[in-house]
Amino acid sequence: MEPMKINIKKLDQNARLPVYGSPYAAGADLYACEGTDIPAGETAFVHTGIAAELPQGTVGLVYARSGLACKQDLAPANKVGVIDCDYRGEIMVALHNHGKRARRVERGDRIAQLVIAPYYAARFCEADELSDTVRGAGGFGSTGSK
């Protein structure tokens, strides 16, 4: 399958384009374009120095890098960042330090991964009734074993 073309604009001379770590990786690494200190329990916006032109009908989803989250306690504060296809500003990652000591992100560090995915636009319609299902209104663990 031919890869989708995504135009990337460098906004900073230290910026790096996203890179896939292996031929079948779903997420491309995003890189910090400047050093940033993140105190324990705090969140910092880490600049990537890039902007993207995503094709209509796609969304950029910014996920944690498992190694960074598990070994250094740094993960996106919003869990999954959403980059809409009409956004043309800088991609920044709000990294939260879940640990007990300060961490430093250096320029060139891989800070998150970007997954490009299709999405459906919905037309939300008010209704007096919804169709019945076996599950019904059960939620929050209602489908587990009893």
Protein backbone atom coordinates (compact mmCIF):
# COMPACT_ATOMS: atom_id res chain seq x y z
CA MET A 1 0.00 0.00 0.00
CA GLU A 2 1.34 3.43 -0.95
CA PRO A 3 1.80 5.75 2.08
CA MET A 4 -0.46 8.79 2.34
CA LYS A 5 1.32 12.08 1.61
CA ILE A 6 1.31 14.50 4.54
CA ASN A 7 2.82 17.96 4.00
CA ILE A 8 4.88 19.11 6.99
CA LYS A 9 6.12 22.67 7.47
CA LYS A 10 9.15 23.25 9.68
CA LEU A 11 8.52 26.25 11.93
CA ASP A 12 11.90 25.97 13.67
CA GLN A 13 15.35 25.12 12.34
CA ASN A 14 15.71 22.44 15.04
CA ALA A 15 12.49 20.68 14.04
CA ARG A 16 12.48 17.11 12.75
CA LEU A 17 9.83 15.53 10.57
CA PRO A 18 7.91 12.60 12.11
CA VAL A 19 9.59 9.24 11.51
CA TYR A 20 8.24 5.69 11.68
CA GLY A 21 10.40 3.39 13.79
CA SER A 22 9.67 0.28 11.70
CA PRO A 23 8.02 -0.55 8.37
CA TYR A 24 4.68 -1.50 9.98
CA ALA A 25 4.57 1.01 12.83
CA ALA A 26 1.19 2.74 13.15
CA GLY A 27 2.62 5.77 14.93
CA ALA A 28 5.37 8.09 13.71
CA ASP A 29 7.64 9.57 16.36
CA LEU A 30 7.30 13.26 17.18
CA TYR A 31 10.45 15.05 18.33
CA ALA A 32 11.07 17.91 20.74
CA CYS A 33 12.67 20.90 19.01
CA GLU A 34 13.85 22.46 22.27
CA GLY A 35 14.80 21.38 25.76
CA THR A 36 12.13 21.57 28.45
CA ASP A 37 12.15 20.88 32.18
CA ILE A 38 9.04 19.21 33.60
CA PRO A 39 8.76 19.26 37.40
CA ALA A 40 7.23 16.28 39.22
CA GLY A 41 3.43 16.35 38.98
CA GLU A 42 3.48 19.18 36.42
CA THR A 43 2.62 19.53 32.73
CA ALA A 44 4.67 21.37 30.13
CA PHE A 45 3.96 22.14 26.49
CA VAL A 46 6.78 20.68 24.43
CA HIS A 47 7.28 22.26 21.01
CA THR A 48 7.80 20.05 17.96
CA GLY A 49 8.47 22.98 15.63
CA ILE A 50 6.28 21.50 12.90
CA ALA A 51 2.83 22.08 11.43
CA ALA A 52 0.96 19.54 9.30
CA GLU A 53 -1.51 19.58 6.43
CA LEU A 54 -3.67 16.54 7.07
CA PRO A 55 -5.95 15.36 4.27
CA GLN A 56 -9.67 16.05 4.66
CA GLY A 57 -11.37 13.14 6.41
CA THR A 58 -8.33 12.32 8.56
CA VAL A 59 -7.28 13.23 12.09
CA GLY A 60 -3.87 13.19 13.73
CA LEU A 61 -3.95 11.34 17.04
CA VAL A 62 -1.07 12.02 19.42
CA TYR A 63 -0.34 9.08 21.72
CA ALA A 64 2.22 8.38 24.42
CA ARG A 65 5.45 6.59 23.62
CA SER A 66 5.39 3.52 25.83
CA GLY A 67 9.08 3.72 26.76
CA LEU A 68 8.84 7.37 27.77
CA ALA A 69 5.69 6.76 29.79
CA CYS A 70 6.91 3.60 31.54
CA LYS A 71 10.57 4.49 32.09
CA GLN A 72 10.45 8.26 32.60
CA ASP A 73 6.85 8.85 33.76
CA LEU A 74 6.14 11.28 30.87
CA ALA A 75 2.92 10.96 28.87
CA PRO A 76 0.51 13.35 27.13
CA ALA A 77 -1.60 15.14 29.73
CA ASN A 78 -4.77 14.76 27.68
CA LYS A 79 -4.05 11.04 27.07
CA VAL A 80 -4.74 11.36 23.34
CA GLY A 81 -4.21 14.62 21.50
CA VAL A 82 -6.43 15.42 18.52
CA ILE A 83 -5.12 17.34 15.51
CA ASP A 84 -8.01 18.30 13.24
CA CYS A 85 -7.37 18.28 9.50
CA ASP A 86 -8.05 22.03 9.23
CA TYR A 87 -5.49 22.96 11.95
CA ARG A 88 -2.32 24.54 10.57
CA GLY A 89 -0.60 25.66 13.78
CA GLU A 90 2.36 24.12 15.53
CA ILE A 91 1.93 20.62 16.87
CA MET A 92 2.73 20.74 20.57
CA VAL A 93 2.60 17.93 23.08
CA ALA A 94 1.40 18.64 26.62
CA LEU A 95 3.62 16.19 28.52
CA HIS A 96 2.69 15.44 32.11
CA ASN A 97 5.28 14.17 34.58
CA HIS A 98 3.55 11.44 36.59
CA GLY A 99 6.71 10.76 38.59
CA LYS A 100 8.11 12.00 41.87
CA ARG A 101 11.14 13.81 40.42
CA ALA A 102 11.71 16.42 37.75
CA ARG A 103 12.44 15.25 34.22
CA ARG A 104 14.13 17.00 31.32
CA VAL A 105 13.22 16.59 27.67
CA GLU A 106 16.14 17.41 25.39
CA ARG A 107 15.99 18.77 21.84
CA GLY A 108 15.68 15.81 19.50
CA ASP A 109 14.05 13.48 22.05
CA ARG A 110 11.11 11.41 20.85
CA ILE A 111 8.19 12.72 22.91
CA ALA A 112 5.03 11.15 21.46
CA GLN A 113 3.75 9.29 18.44
CA LEU A 114 1.41 10.51 15.73
CA VAL A 115 -1.18 8.20 14.20
CA ILE A 116 -3.11 9.40 11.14
CA ALA A 117 -6.63 7.91 11.07
CA PRO A 118 -9.85 8.38 9.11
CA TYR A 119 -12.91 9.63 10.96
CA TYR A 120 -16.64 9.94 10.42
CA ALA A 121 -18.43 13.25 10.70
CA ALA A 122 -21.79 12.80 12.39
CA ARG A 123 -25.08 14.63 12.18
CA PHE A 124 -26.50 14.59 15.70
CA CYS A 125 -30.29 14.31 15.81
CA GLU A 126 -32.44 14.64 18.90
CA ALA A 127 -34.71 11.62 19.44
CA ASP A 128 -37.41 10.80 21.96
CA GLU A 129 -36.50 7.09 21.97
CA LEU A 130 -33.47 4.95 21.08
CA SER A 131 -33.53 1.40 19.76
CA ASP A 132 -33.42 -1.44 22.31
CA THR A 133 -30.33 -3.64 22.75
CA VAL A 134 -29.47 -6.55 25.04
CA ARG A 135 -27.06 -4.30 26.95
CA GLY A 136 -29.45 -1.39 27.25
CA ALA A 137 -28.23 1.37 29.58
CA GLY A 138 -25.74 -0.85 31.44
CA GLY A 139 -22.30 0.74 31.65
CA PHE A 140 -19.06 0.86 33.61
CA GLY A 141 -18.39 -2.85 33.99
CA SER A 142 -21.89 -4.07 33.20
CA THR A 143 -20.66 -6.46 30.48
CA GLY A 144 -18.22 -8.30 32.81
CA SER A 145 -18.82 -11.73 34.28
CA LYS A 146 -21.50 -12.01 36.97
